[in-house]
Protein backbone atom coordinates (compact mmCIF):
# COMPACT_ATOMS: atom_id res chain seq x y z
CA MET A 1 -5.14 -14.07 -33.02
CA ASP A 2 -1.94 -15.70 -31.94
CA LYS A 3 0.00 -17.97 -34.44
CA TRP A 4 0.25 -21.48 -33.23
CA THR A 5 3.04 -23.81 -34.41
CA VAL A 6 2.50 -27.54 -34.98
CA LYS A 7 5.37 -30.00 -36.14
CA SER A 8 5.43 -29.85 -39.94
CA GLU A 9 5.64 -33.76 -40.21
CA LEU A 10 2.18 -34.00 -38.84
CA GLN A 11 0.90 -32.00 -41.81
CA PRO A 12 -1.45 -29.73 -39.78
CA THR A 13 -4.44 -28.11 -41.43
CA GLN A 14 -6.64 -25.39 -39.76
CA PHE A 15 -10.02 -26.78 -38.50
CA ILE A 16 -12.54 -24.11 -37.86
CA LEU A 17 -15.33 -24.99 -35.58
CA GLU A 18 -18.40 -22.60 -35.43
CA SER A 19 -19.28 -22.26 -31.80
CA ALA A 20 -20.37 -19.69 -29.31
CA PHE A 21 -17.61 -20.88 -27.20
CA SER A 22 -15.07 -18.49 -28.44
CA GLU A 23 -11.85 -19.37 -26.65
CA GLN A 24 -10.78 -22.29 -28.72
CA VAL A 25 -8.33 -23.25 -31.58
CA TRP A 26 -8.27 -26.64 -33.51
CA CYS A 27 -6.16 -28.21 -36.05
CA LYS A 28 -6.42 -31.51 -38.10
CA LEU A 29 -3.37 -33.62 -38.12
CA GLN A 30 -2.49 -36.16 -40.78
CA SER A 31 -3.11 -39.53 -39.06
CA ARG A 32 -4.99 -42.74 -39.65
CA SER A 33 -7.57 -41.80 -37.12
CA ASN A 34 -8.65 -38.64 -38.85
CA SER A 35 -8.86 -36.83 -35.55
CA VAL A 36 -8.68 -33.26 -34.62
CA THR A 37 -6.75 -31.65 -31.73
CA GLY A 38 -8.05 -28.54 -29.95
CA ILE A 39 -7.02 -26.26 -27.07
CA CYS A 40 -9.60 -24.16 -25.14
CA HIS A 41 -9.79 -21.92 -22.12
CA LYS A 42 -12.69 -21.81 -19.81
CA THR A 43 -12.42 -18.48 -18.19
CA PRO A 44 -13.28 -18.13 -14.43
CA THR A 45 -14.47 -14.59 -15.13
CA VAL A 46 -18.42 -14.88 -15.11
CA SER A 47 -18.87 -11.40 -16.61
CA ILE A 48 -17.60 -12.55 -19.95
CA TYR A 49 -20.01 -15.36 -20.54
CA LYS A 50 -22.43 -14.79 -17.74
CA ASP A 51 -23.81 -18.06 -16.35
CA ASN A 52 -23.88 -20.06 -19.52
CA ILE A 53 -20.22 -20.98 -19.99
CA ASP A 54 -20.77 -24.59 -18.94
CA VAL A 55 -23.61 -24.82 -21.52
CA LEU A 56 -21.41 -23.34 -24.36
CA LEU A 57 -18.73 -25.87 -23.55
CA GLN A 58 -21.07 -28.83 -23.49
CA GLU A 59 -22.39 -27.68 -26.88
CA LEU A 60 -18.83 -27.51 -28.07
CA LEU A 61 -18.34 -31.14 -26.91
CA ASP A 62 -21.60 -32.26 -28.37
CA SER A 63 -20.48 -31.03 -31.81
CA PHE A 64 -17.93 -33.96 -31.83
CA SER A 65 -20.38 -36.63 -30.99
CA GLY A 66 -19.24 -39.78 -32.57
CA LYS A 67 -15.94 -38.30 -33.88
CA ARG A 68 -12.44 -38.74 -32.63
CA PHE A 69 -10.82 -35.67 -30.99
CA VAL A 70 -8.42 -34.49 -28.39
CA LEU A 71 -9.25 -31.47 -26.32
CA MET A 72 -6.75 -29.95 -23.88
CA GLY A 73 -6.85 -26.63 -22.03
CA ASP A 74 -7.57 -24.88 -18.85
CA PHE A 75 -11.09 -25.60 -17.80
CA ASN A 76 -11.25 -23.86 -14.39
CA TYR A 77 -13.38 -26.39 -12.45
CA PRO A 78 -12.06 -25.61 -8.96
CA ASP A 79 -14.84 -27.78 -7.23
CA ILE A 80 -13.74 -31.05 -8.75
CA ASP A 81 -12.54 -33.60 -6.33
CA TRP A 82 -9.87 -35.30 -8.23
CA SER A 83 -9.22 -38.02 -5.58
CA GLU A 84 -12.61 -39.36 -6.45
């Protein structure tokens, strides 16, 4: 696994989220909001996850229900009409 660097003033701690969606990394940052920040990659390669990658991503998001979090990444949704 690659090593990620976070500004030391934020006092980052590793946050491990058990999920079948494997391409993700999370950390908890020292803040008043007690939130976690994550990065994930939704691969466009269907052969890796078959047809259920959207379900796995939804389950990942559901695990944060009612909690504060920031999720960034490359979600590869080519059919989204961003003008709408």
